[in-house]
Amino acid sequence: MKVKKAIFIYVSFLAILISSGCAVTRDQETMGAYVDDSVITSSIKTRFFEDKAVDGSAITVETLNGTVLLSGFVKSTNQKQNAESIAIKVKGVKVVKNQLEIRN
């Protein structure tokens, strides 16, 4: 299972770098900050998919300078809180802005 997680993170990281053309964007000062944000985003998404209490496929994660924005839909208040709790525990996360909407 650890190998699958490592492969997923590595592939996600490469996909983000390739799709960005390795350019520093979104008012970030350095390429290192961009890479850090990409790693944070990938780590959070991986943890969402590993946690059966959170539907990771319905949640979008964006990171800018350590601030994480969660958006999308969840089925309950509990899932919304779980998603935020998972995100804030990832190394490098400074703030989580939880804009998840509860869908009945």
PDB file of N, CA and C in Angstrom:
ATOM      1  N   MET A   1       0.819  -1.182   0.000  1.00  0.00           N
ATOM      2  CA  MET A   1       0.000   0.000   0.000  1.00  0.00           C
ATOM      3  C   MET A   1       0.868   1.253   0.000  1.00  0.00           C
ATOM      4  N   LYS A   2       1.998   1.227   0.710  1.00  0.00           N
ATOM      5  CA  LYS A   2       2.892   2.386   0.739  1.00  0.00           C
ATOM      6  C   LYS A   2       3.473   2.653  -0.642  1.00  0.00           C
ATOM      7  N   VAL A   3       3.714   1.593  -1.403  1.00  0.00           N
ATOM      8  CA  VAL A   3       4.249   1.758  -2.745  1.00  0.00           C
ATOM      9  C   VAL A   3       3.220   2.452  -3.631  1.00  0.00           C
ATOM     10  N   LYS A   4       1.954   2.059  -3.520  1.00  0.00           N
ATOM     11  CA  LYS A   4       0.891   2.694  -4.299  1.00  0.00           C
ATOM     12  C   LYS A   4       0.789   4.175  -3.959  1.00  0.00           C
ATOM     13  N   LYS A   5       0.867   4.491  -2.683  1.00  0.00           N
ATOM     14  CA  LYS A   5       0.776   5.881  -2.244  1.00  0.00           C
ATOM     15  C   LYS A   5       1.951   6.682  -2.801  1.00  0.00           C
ATOM     16  N   ALA A   6       3.134   6.127  -2.716  1.00  0.00           N
ATOM     17  CA  ALA A   6       4.316   6.819  -3.215  1.00  0.00           C
ATOM     18  C   ALA A   6       4.227   7.037  -4.722  1.00  0.00           C
ATOM     19  N   ILE A   7       3.757   6.032  -5.440  1.00  0.00           N
ATOM     20  CA  ILE A   7       3.611   6.159  -6.889  1.00  0.00           C
ATOM     21  C   ILE A   7       2.574   7.219  -7.221  1.00  0.00           C
ATOM     22  N   PHE A   8       1.451   7.212  -6.497  1.00  0.00           N
ATOM     23  CA  PHE A   8       0.400   8.200  -6.738  1.00  0.00           C
ATOM     24  C   PHE A   8       0.918   9.620  -6.515  1.00  0.00           C
ATOM     25  N   ILE A   9       1.621   9.828  -5.423  1.00  0.00           N
ATOM     26  CA  ILE A   9       2.153  11.160  -5.128  1.00  0.00           C
ATOM     27  C   ILE A   9       3.167  11.576  -6.193  1.00  0.00           C
ATOM     28  N   TYR A  10       4.038  10.659  -6.583  1.00  0.00           N
ATOM     29  CA  TYR A  10       5.055  10.952  -7.585  1.00  0.00           C
ATOM     30  C   TYR A  10       4.415  11.301  -8.929  1.00  0.00           C
ATOM     31  N   VAL A  11       3.445  10.507  -9.357  1.00  0.00           N
ATOM     32  CA  VAL A  11       2.770  10.758 -10.635  1.00  0.00           C
ATOM     33  C   VAL A  11       1.998  12.075 -10.579  1.00  0.00           C
ATOM     34  N   SER A  12       1.331  12.330  -9.463  1.00  0.00           N
ATOM     35  CA  SER A  12       0.601  13.590  -9.314  1.00  0.00           C
ATOM     36  C   SER A  12       1.552  14.777  -9.389  1.00  0.00           C
ATOM     37  N   PHE A  13       2.667  14.660  -8.714  1.00  0.00           N
ATOM     38  CA  PHE A  13       3.668  15.714  -8.702  1.00  0.00           C
ATOM     39  C   PHE A  13       4.191  15.972 -10.116  1.00  0.00           C
ATOM     40  N   LEU A  14       4.506  14.916 -10.843  1.00  0.00           N
ATOM     41  CA  LEU A  14       5.001  15.077 -12.212  1.00  0.00           C
ATOM     42  C   LEU A  14       3.941  15.688 -13.116  1.00  0.00           C
ATOM     43  N   ALA A  15       2.709  15.262 -12.952  1.00  0.00           N
ATOM     44  CA  ALA A  15       1.626  15.807 -13.780  1.00  0.00           C
ATOM     45  C   ALA A  15       1.462  17.305 -13.546  1.00  0.00           C
ATOM     46  N   ILE A  16       1.565  17.705 -12.305  1.00  0.00           N
ATOM     47  CA  ILE A  16       1.433  19.132 -11.988  1.00  0.00           C
ATOM     48  C   ILE A  16       2.591  19.919 -12.593  1.00  0.00           C
ATOM     49  N   LEU A  17       3.794  19.407 -12.475  1.00  0.00           N
ATOM     50  CA  LEU A  17       4.947  20.103 -13.043  1.00  0.00           C
ATOM     51  C   LEU A  17       4.871  20.193 -14.562  1.00  0.00           C
ATOM     52  N   ILE A  18       4.471  19.099 -15.200  1.00  0.00           N
ATOM     53  CA  ILE A  18       4.391  19.085 -16.657  1.00  0.00           C
ATOM     54  C   ILE A  18       3.306  20.034 -17.136  1.00  0.00           C
ATOM     55  N   SER A  19       2.143  19.995 -16.491  1.00  0.00           N
ATOM     56  CA  SER A  19       1.034  20.848 -16.928  1.00  0.00           C
ATOM     57  C   SER A  19       1.321  22.325 -16.690  1.00  0.00           C
ATOM     58  N   SER A  20       2.168  22.625 -15.752  1.00  0.00           N
ATOM     59  CA  SER A  20       2.493  24.029 -15.479  1.00  0.00           C
ATOM     60  C   SER A  20       3.640  24.528 -16.353  1.00  0.00           C
ATOM     61  N   GLY A  21       4.290  23.629 -17.033  1.00  0.00           N
ATOM     62  CA  GLY A  21       5.440  24.033 -17.838  1.00  0.00           C
ATOM     63  C   GLY A  21       6.593  24.505 -16.970  1.00  0.00           C
ATOM     64  N   CYS A  22       6.583  24.102 -15.709  1.00  0.00           N
ATOM     65  CA  CYS A  22       7.614  24.470 -14.745  1.00  0.00           C
ATOM     66  C   CYS A  22       7.708  25.975 -14.529  1.00  0.00           C
ATOM     67  N   ALA A  23       6.648  26.679 -14.813  1.00  0.00           N
ATOM     68  CA  ALA A  23       6.652  28.135 -14.630  1.00  0.00           C
ATOM     69  C   ALA A  23       6.161  28.488 -13.237  1.00  0.00           C
ATOM     70  N   VAL A  24       6.726  29.528 -12.688  1.00  0.00           N
ATOM     71  CA  VAL A  24       6.252  30.044 -11.413  1.00  0.00           C
ATOM     72  C   VAL A  24       5.059  30.926 -11.731  1.00  0.00           C
ATOM     73  N   THR A  25       3.928  30.616 -11.102  1.00  0.00           N
ATOM     74  CA  THR A  25       2.698  31.340 -11.410  1.00  0.00           C
ATOM     75  C   THR A  25       2.002  31.764 -10.135  1.00  0.00           C
ATOM     76  N   ARG A  26       0.877  32.395 -10.280  1.00  0.00           N
ATOM     77  CA  ARG A  26      -0.008  32.762  -9.185  1.00  0.00           C
ATOM     78  C   ARG A  26       0.693  33.621  -8.133  1.00  0.00           C
ATOM     79  N   ASP A  27       1.535  34.543  -8.565  1.00  0.00           N
ATOM     80  CA  ASP A  27       2.201  35.487  -7.665  1.00  0.00           C
ATOM     81  C   ASP A  27       3.089  34.823  -6.616  1.00  0.00           C
ATOM     82  N   GLN A  28       3.593  33.651  -6.894  1.00  0.00           N
ATOM     83  CA  GLN A  28       4.510  33.016  -5.963  1.00  0.00           C
ATOM     84  C   GLN A  28       5.914  33.516  -6.258  1.00  0.00           C
ATOM     85  N   GLU A  29       6.697  33.627  -5.213  1.00  0.00           N
ATOM     86  CA  GLU A  29       8.010  34.227  -5.380  1.00  0.00           C
ATOM     87  C   GLU A  29       9.040  33.274  -5.973  1.00  0.00           C
ATOM     88  N   THR A  30       8.964  31.994  -5.665  1.00  0.00           N
ATOM     89  CA  THR A  30      10.001  31.069  -6.119  1.00  0.00           C
ATOM     90  C   THR A  30       9.399  29.787  -6.666  1.00  0.00           C
ATOM     91  N   MET A  31      10.201  29.079  -7.435  1.00  0.00           N
ATOM     92  CA  MET A  31       9.792  27.758  -7.922  1.00  0.00           C
ATOM     93  C   MET A  31       9.630  26.809  -6.742  1.00  0.00           C
ATOM     94  N   GLY A  32      10.435  26.977  -5.719  1.00  0.00           N
ATOM     95  CA  GLY A  32      10.338  26.124  -4.534  1.00  0.00           C
ATOM     96  C   GLY A  32       8.984  26.241  -3.866  1.00  0.00           C
ATOM     97  N   ALA A  33       8.444  27.454  -3.793  1.00  0.00           N
ATOM     98  CA  ALA A  33       7.114  27.652  -3.201  1.00  0.00           C
ATOM     99  C   ALA A  33       6.055  26.950  -4.031  1.00  0.00           C
ATOM    100  N   TYR A  34       6.195  27.009  -5.358  1.00  0.00           N
ATOM    101  CA  TYR A  34       5.243  26.332  -6.241  1.00  0.00           C
ATOM    102  C   TYR A  34       5.293  24.829  -6.043  1.00  0.00           C
ATOM    103  N   VAL A  35       6.489  24.280  -5.951  1.00  0.00           N
ATOM    104  CA  VAL A  35       6.655  22.839  -5.741  1.00  0.00           C
ATOM    105  C   VAL A  35       6.088  22.437  -4.381  1.00  0.00           C
ATOM    106  N   ASP A  36       6.365  23.228  -3.352  1.00  0.00           N
ATOM    107  CA  ASP A  36       5.821  22.941  -2.018  1.00  0.00           C
ATOM    108  C   ASP A  36       4.303  22.888  -2.046  1.00  0.00           C
ATOM    109  N   ASP A  37       3.674  23.859  -2.710  1.00  0.00           N
ATOM    110  CA  ASP A  37       2.219  23.873  -2.801  1.00  0.00           C
ATOM    111  C   ASP A  37       1.688  22.659  -3.559  1.00  0.00           C
ATOM    112  N   SER A  38       2.397  22.247  -4.598  1.00  0.00           N
ATOM    113  CA  SER A  38       1.991  21.067  -5.363  1.00  0.00           C
ATOM    114  C   SER A  38       2.055  19.803  -4.516  1.00  0.00           C
ATOM    115  N   VAL A  39       3.088  19.699  -3.706  1.00  0.00           N
ATOM    116  CA  VAL A  39       3.241  18.544  -2.818  1.00  0.00           C
ATOM    117  C   VAL A  39       2.134  18.543  -1.760  1.00  0.00           C
ATOM    118  N   ILE A  40       1.809  19.708  -1.217  1.00  0.00           N
ATOM    119  CA  ILE A  40       0.741  19.807  -0.227  1.00  0.00           C
ATOM    120  C   ILE A  40      -0.578  19.353  -0.843  1.00  0.00           C
ATOM    121  N   THR A  41      -0.892  19.867  -2.026  1.00  0.00           N
ATOM    122  CA  THR A  41      -2.136  19.495  -2.704  1.00  0.00           C
ATOM    123  C   THR A  41      -2.196  17.992  -2.947  1.00  0.00           C
ATOM    124  N   SER A  42      -1.120  17.420  -3.458  1.00  0.00           N
ATOM    125  CA  SER A  42      -1.086  15.975  -3.727  1.00  0.00           C
ATOM    126  C   SER A  42      -1.228  15.164  -2.444  1.00  0.00           C
ATOM    127  N   SER A  43      -0.584  15.603  -1.387  1.00  0.00           N
ATOM    128  CA  SER A  43      -0.673  14.887  -0.108  1.00  0.00           C
ATOM    129  C   SER A  43      -2.091  14.897   0.443  1.00  0.00           C
ATOM    130  N   ILE A  44      -2.751  16.037   0.355  1.00  0.00           N
ATOM    131  CA  ILE A  44      -4.122  16.134   0.852  1.00  0.00           C
ATOM    132  C   ILE A  44      -5.045  15.243   0.034  1.00  0.00           C
ATOM    133  N   LYS A  45      -4.933  15.307  -1.293  1.00  0.00           N
ATOM    134  CA  LYS A  45      -5.787  14.467  -2.141  1.00  0.00           C
ATOM    135  C   LYS A  45      -5.550  12.984  -1.858  1.00  0.00           C
ATOM    136  N   THR A  46      -4.312  12.595  -1.660  1.00  0.00           N
ATOM    137  CA  THR A  46      -3.996  11.198  -1.347  1.00  0.00           C
ATOM    138  C   THR A  46      -4.664  10.787  -0.040  1.00  0.00           C
ATOM    139  N   ARG A  47      -4.564  11.629   0.963  1.00  0.00           N
ATOM    140  CA  ARG A  47      -5.189  11.315   2.256  1.00  0.00           C
ATOM    141  C   ARG A  47      -6.708  11.248   2.144  1.00  0.00           C
ATOM    142  N   PHE A  48      -7.299  12.097   1.302  1.00  0.00           N
ATOM    143  CA  PHE A  48      -8.745  12.024   1.101  1.00  0.00           C
ATOM    144  C   PHE A  48      -9.138  10.671   0.511  1.00  0.00           C
ATOM    145  N   PHE A  49      -8.380  10.198  -0.466  1.00  0.00           N
ATOM    146  CA  PHE A  49      -8.717   8.927  -1.106  1.00  0.00           C
ATOM    147  C   PHE A  49      -8.465   7.736  -0.188  1.00  0.00           C
ATOM    148  N   GLU A  50      -7.552   7.880   0.755  1.00  0.00           N
ATOM    149  CA  GLU A  50      -7.281   6.802   1.714  1.00  0.00           C
ATOM    150  C   GLU A  50      -8.319   6.748   2.829  1.00  0.00           C
ATOM    151  N   ASP A  51      -8.970   7.860   3.096  1.00  0.00           N
ATOM    152  CA  ASP A  51      -9.939   7.948   4.194  1.00  0.00           C
ATOM    153  C   ASP A  51     -11.333   7.631   3.672  1.00  0.00           C
ATOM    154  N   LYS A  52     -11.923   6.575   4.174  1.00  0.00           N
ATOM    155  CA  LYS A  52     -13.230   6.148   3.699  1.00  0.00           C
ATOM    156  C   LYS A  52     -14.351   7.093   4.134  1.00  0.00           C
ATOM    157  N   ALA A  53     -14.093   7.962   5.098  1.00  0.00           N
ATOM    158  CA  ALA A  53     -15.110   8.890   5.596  1.00  0.00           C
ATOM    159  C   ALA A  53     -15.223  10.152   4.740  1.00  0.00           C
ATOM    160  N   VAL A  54     -14.312  10.315   3.764  1.00  0.00           N
ATOM    161  CA  VAL A  54     -14.312  11.503   2.909  1.00  0.00           C
ATOM    162  C   VAL A  54     -14.339  11.062   1.451  1.00  0.00           C
ATOM    163  N   ASP A  55     -15.216  11.666   0.648  1.00  0.00           N
ATOM    164  CA  ASP A  55     -15.277  11.365  -0.782  1.00  0.00           C
ATOM    165  C   ASP A  55     -14.318  12.293  -1.522  1.00  0.00           C
ATOM    166  N   GLY A  56     -13.096  11.843  -1.683  1.00  0.00           N
ATOM    167  CA  GLY A  56     -12.055  12.662  -2.297  1.00  0.00           C
ATOM    168  C   GLY A  56     -12.316  13.032  -3.736  1.00  0.00           C
ATOM    169  N   SER A  57     -13.134  12.263  -4.434  1.00  0.00           N
ATOM    170  CA  SER A  57     -13.389  12.553  -5.843  1.00  0.00           C
ATOM    171  C   SER A  57     -14.276  13.777  -6.040  1.00  0.00           C
ATOM    172  N   ALA A  58     -14.990  14.190  -5.006  1.00  0.00           N
ATOM    173  CA  ALA A  58     -15.899  15.333  -5.110  1.00  0.00           C
ATOM    174  C   ALA A  58     -15.310  16.608  -4.505  1.00  0.00           C
ATOM    175  N   ILE A  59     -14.045  16.547  -4.093  1.00  0.00           N
ATOM    176  CA  ILE A  59     -13.419  17.703  -3.428  1.00  0.00           C
ATOM    177  C   ILE A  59     -12.243  18.201  -4.264  1.00  0.00           C
ATOM    178  N   THR A  60     -12.232  19.494  -4.504  1.00  0.00           N
ATOM    179  CA  THR A  60     -11.123  20.140  -5.201  1.00  0.00           C
ATOM    180  C   THR A  60     -10.215  20.780  -4.162  1.00  0.00           C
ATOM    181  N   VAL A  61      -8.917  20.588  -4.336  1.00  0.00           N
ATOM    182  CA  VAL A  61      -7.931  21.143  -3.408  1.00  0.00           C
ATOM    183  C   VAL A  61      -7.009  22.073  -4.190  1.00  0.00           C
ATOM    184  N   GLU A  62      -6.885  23.311  -3.722  1.00  0.00           N
ATOM    185  CA  GLU A  62      -5.952  24.269  -4.305  1.00  0.00           C
ATOM    186  C   GLU A  62      -5.095  24.826  -3.180  1.00  0.00           C
ATOM    187  N   THR A  63      -3.804  25.013  -3.463  1.00  0.00           N
ATOM    188  CA  THR A  63      -2.888  25.506  -2.439  1.00  0.00           C
ATOM    189  C   THR A  63      -2.083  26.678  -2.987  1.00  0.00           C
ATOM    190  N   LEU A  64      -1.970  27.721  -2.188  1.00  0.00           N
ATOM    191  CA  LEU A  64      -1.160  28.883  -2.548  1.00  0.00           C
ATOM    192  C   LEU A  64      -0.433  29.363  -1.300  1.00  0.00           C
ATOM    193  N   ASN A  65       0.885  29.243  -1.330  1.00  0.00           N
ATOM    194  CA  ASN A  65       1.726  29.673  -0.214  1.00  0.00           C
ATOM    195  C   ASN A  65       1.294  29.072   1.123  1.00  0.00           C
ATOM    196  N   GLY A  66       0.911  27.803   1.103  1.00  0.00           N
ATOM    197  CA  GLY A  66       0.538  27.098   2.325  1.00  0.00           C
ATOM    198  C   GLY A  66      -0.911  27.274   2.740  1.00  0.00           C
ATOM    199  N   THR A  67      -1.658  28.119   2.038  1.00  0.00           N
ATOM    200  CA  THR A  67      -3.087  28.283   2.311  1.00  0.00           C
ATOM    201  C   THR A  67      -3.859  27.348   1.388  1.00  0.00           C
ATOM    202  N   VAL A  68      -4.663  26.485   1.985  1.00  0.00           N
ATOM    203  CA  VAL A  68      -5.391  25.456   1.230  1.00  0.00           C
ATOM    204  C   VAL A  68      -6.858  25.862   1.109  1.00  0.00           C
ATOM    205  N   LEU A  69      -7.377  25.767  -0.106  1.00  0.00           N
ATOM    206  CA  LEU A  69      -8.790  26.016  -0.365  1.00  0.00           C
ATOM    207  C   LEU A  69      -9.447  24.689  -0.723  1.00  0.00           C
ATOM    208  N   LEU A  70     -10.441  24.302   0.068  1.00  0.00           N
ATOM    209  CA  LEU A  70     -11.234  23.101  -0.218  1.00  0.00           C
ATOM    210  C   LEU A  70     -12.559  23.551  -0.810  1.00  0.00           C
ATOM    211  N   SER A  71     -12.915  22.999  -1.960  1.00  0.00           N
ATOM    212  CA  SER A  71     -14.198  23.319  -2.567  1.00  0.00           C
ATOM    213  C   SER A  71     -14.783  22.054  -3.167  1.00  0.00           C
ATOM    214  N   GLY A  72     -16.078  22.082  -3.388  1.00  0.00           N
ATOM    215  CA  GLY A  72     -16.764  20.918  -3.921  1.00  0.00           C
ATOM    216  C   GLY A  72     -17.933  20.550  -3.032  1.00  0.00           C
ATOM    217  N   PHE A  73     -18.312  19.276  -3.084  1.00  0.00           N
ATOM    218  CA  PHE A  73     -19.495  18.830  -2.375  1.00  0.00           C
ATOM    219  C   PHE A  73     -19.212  17.632  -1.480  1.00  0.00           C
ATOM    220  N   VAL A  74     -19.856  17.625  -0.319  1.00  0.00           N
ATOM    221  CA  VAL A  74     -19.800  16.497   0.607  1.00  0.00           C
ATOM    222  C   VAL A  74     -21.224  16.140   1.003  1.00  0.00           C
ATOM    223  N   LYS A  75     -21.375  14.987   1.637  1.00  0.00           N
ATOM    224  CA  LYS A  75     -22.704  14.498   1.977  1.00  0.00           C
ATOM    225  C   LYS A  75     -23.185  14.911   3.362  1.00  0.00           C
ATOM    226  N   SER A  76     -22.255  15.386   4.206  1.00  0.00           N
ATOM    227  CA  SER A  76     -22.662  15.714   5.574  1.00  0.00           C
ATOM    228  C   SER A  76     -21.699  16.719   6.202  1.00  0.00           C
ATOM    229  N   THR A  77     -22.153  17.288   7.303  1.00  0.00           N
ATOM    230  CA  THR A  77     -21.303  18.193   8.074  1.00  0.00           C
ATOM    231  C   THR A  77     -20.078  17.449   8.587  1.00  0.00           C
ATOM    232  N   ASN A  78     -20.263  16.197   8.949  1.00  0.00           N
ATOM    233  CA  ASN A  78     -19.154  15.377   9.444  1.00  0.00           C
ATOM    234  C   ASN A  78     -18.068  15.221   8.371  1.00  0.00           C
ATOM    235  N   GLN A  79     -18.464  14.974   7.119  1.00  0.00           N
ATOM    236  CA  GLN A  79     -17.483  14.851   6.032  1.00  0.00           C
ATOM    237  C   GLN A  79     -16.751  16.173   5.817  1.00  0.00           C
ATOM    238  N   LYS A  80     -17.480  17.276   5.922  1.00  0.00           N
ATOM    239  CA  LYS A  80     -16.873  18.599   5.749  1.00  0.00           C
ATOM    240  C   LYS A  80     -15.808  18.833   6.818  1.00  0.00           C
ATOM    241  N   GLN A  81     -16.142  18.509   8.056  1.00  0.00           N
ATOM    242  CA  GLN A  81     -15.194  18.679   9.159  1.00  0.00           C
ATOM    243  C   GLN A  81     -14.016  17.720   9.035  1.00  0.00           C
ATOM    244  N   ASN A  82     -14.277  16.477   8.617  1.00  0.00           N
ATOM    245  CA  ASN A  82     -13.196  15.498   8.430  1.00  0.00           C
ATOM    246  C   ASN A  82     -12.216  15.967   7.360  1.00  0.00           C
ATOM    247  N   ALA A  83     -12.739  16.506   6.266  1.00  0.00           N
ATOM    248  CA  ALA A  83     -11.875  16.979   5.184  1.00  0.00           C
ATOM    249  C   ALA A  83     -10.956  18.102   5.668  1.00  0.00           C
ATOM    250  N   GLU A  84     -11.521  19.019   6.426  1.00  0.00           N
ATOM    251  CA  GLU A  84     -10.719  20.123   6.959  1.00  0.00           C
ATOM    252  C   GLU A  84      -9.666  19.608   7.936  1.00  0.00           C
ATOM    253  N   SER A  85     -10.061  18.668   8.769  1.00  0.00           N
ATOM    254  CA  SER A  85      -9.143  18.089   9.752  1.00  0.00           C
ATOM    255  C   SER A  85      -7.979  17.371   9.072  1.00  0.00           C
ATOM    256  N   ILE A  86      -8.276  16.644   8.019  1.00  0.00           N
ATOM    257  CA  ILE A  86      -7.227  15.939   7.269  1.00  0.00           C
ATOM    258  C   ILE A  86      -6.268  16.947   6.642  1.00  0.00           C
ATOM    259  N   ALA A  87      -6.808  17.980   6.031  1.00  0.00           N
ATOM    260  CA  ALA A  87      -5.981  18.972   5.332  1.00  0.00           C
ATOM    261  C   ALA A  87      -5.054  19.721   6.282  1.00  0.00           C
ATOM    262  N   ILE A  88      -5.555  20.134   7.428  1.00  0.00           N
ATOM    263  CA  ILE A  88      -4.742  20.952   8.340  1.00  0.00           C
ATOM    264  C   ILE A  88      -3.573  20.167   8.924  1.00  0.00           C
ATOM    265  N   LYS A  89      -3.657  18.840   8.931  1.00  0.00           N
ATOM    266  CA  LYS A  89      -2.599  18.002   9.498  1.00  0.00           C
ATOM    267  C   LYS A  89      -1.435  17.760   8.536  1.00  0.00           C
ATOM    268  N   VAL A  90      -1.590  18.160   7.273  1.00  0.00           N
ATOM    269  CA  VAL A  90      -0.530  17.944   6.282  1.00  0.00           C
ATOM    270  C   VAL A  90       0.587  18.956   6.507  1.00  0.00           C
ATOM    271  N   LYS A  91       1.812  18.466   6.477  1.00  0.00           N
ATOM    272  CA  LYS A  91       2.985  19.321   6.687  1.00  0.00           C
ATOM    273  C   LYS A  91       3.016  20.442   5.653  1.00  0.00           C
ATOM    274  N   GLY A  92       3.217  21.667   6.137  1.00  0.00           N
ATOM    275  CA  GLY A  92       3.309  22.821   5.263  1.00  0.00           C
ATOM    276  C   GLY A  92       2.026  23.626   5.157  1.00  0.00           C
ATOM    277  N   VAL A  93       0.913  23.062   5.635  1.00  0.00           N
ATOM    278  CA  VAL A  93      -0.365  23.775   5.577  1.00  0.00           C
ATOM    279  C   VAL A  93      -0.399  24.812   6.695  1.00  0.00           C
ATOM    280  N   LYS A  94      -0.686  26.049   6.329  1.00  0.00           N
ATOM    281  CA  LYS A  94      -0.774  27.134   7.301  1.00  0.00           C
ATOM    282  C   LYS A  94      -2.227  27.429   7.671  1.00  0.00           C
ATOM    283  N   VAL A  95      -3.087  27.458   6.657  1.00  0.00           N
ATOM    284  CA  VAL A  95      -4.501  27.803   6.840  1.00  0.00           C
ATOM    285  C   VAL A  95      -5.330  26.945   5.894  1.00  0.00           C
ATOM    286  N   VAL A  96      -6.516  26.532   6.348  1.00  0.00           N
ATOM    287  CA  VAL A  96      -7.458  25.829   5.479  1.00  0.00           C
ATOM    288  C   VAL A  96      -8.720  26.672   5.364  1.00  0.00           C
ATOM    289  N   LYS A  97      -9.084  27.008   4.135  1.00  0.00           N
ATOM    290  CA  LYS A  97     -10.346  27.702   3.862  1.00  0.00           C
ATOM    291  C   LYS A  97     -11.316  26.647   3.345  1.00  0.00           C
ATOM    292  N   ASN A  98     -12.283  26.323   4.163  1.00  0.00           N
ATOM    293  CA  ASN A  98     -13.212  25.236   3.853  1.00  0.00           C
ATOM    294  C   ASN A  98     -14.482  25.806   3.228  1.00  0.00           C
ATOM    295  N   GLN A  99     -14.575  25.679   1.907  1.00  0.00           N
ATOM    296  CA  GLN A  99     -15.762  26.157   1.187  1.00  0.00           C
ATOM    297  C   GLN A  99     -16.570  24.980   0.643  1.00  0.00           C
ATOM    298  N   LEU A 100     -16.475  23.845   1.303  1.00  0.00           N
ATOM    299  CA  LEU A 100     -17.237  22.670   0.882  1.00  0.00           C
ATOM    300  C   LEU A 100     -18.720  22.901   1.141  1.00  0.00           C
ATOM    301  N   GLU A 101     -19.526  22.460   0.209  1.00  0.00           N
ATOM    302  CA  GLU A 101     -20.976  22.580   0.331  1.00  0.00           C
ATOM    303  C   GLU A 101     -21.566  21.212   0.620  1.00  0.00           C
ATOM    304  N   ILE A 102     -22.580  21.197   1.467  1.00  0.00           N
ATOM    305  CA  ILE A 102     -23.242  19.937   1.823  1.00  0.00           C
ATOM    306  C   ILE A 102     -24.368  19.703   0.827  1.00  0.00           C
ATOM    307  N   ARG A 103     -24.295  18.570   0.163  1.00  0.00           N
ATOM    308  CA  ARG A 103     -25.302  18.183  -0.828  1.00  0.00           C
ATOM    309  C   ARG A 103     -26.176  17.096  -0.227  1.00  0.00           C
ATOM    310  N   ASN A 104     -27.469  17.320  -0.244  1.00  0.00           N
ATOM    311  CA  ASN A 104     -28.407  16.320   0.313  1.00  0.00           C
ATOM    312  C   ASN A 104     -28.749  15.258  -0.690  1.00  0.00           C
TER     313      ASN A 104
END
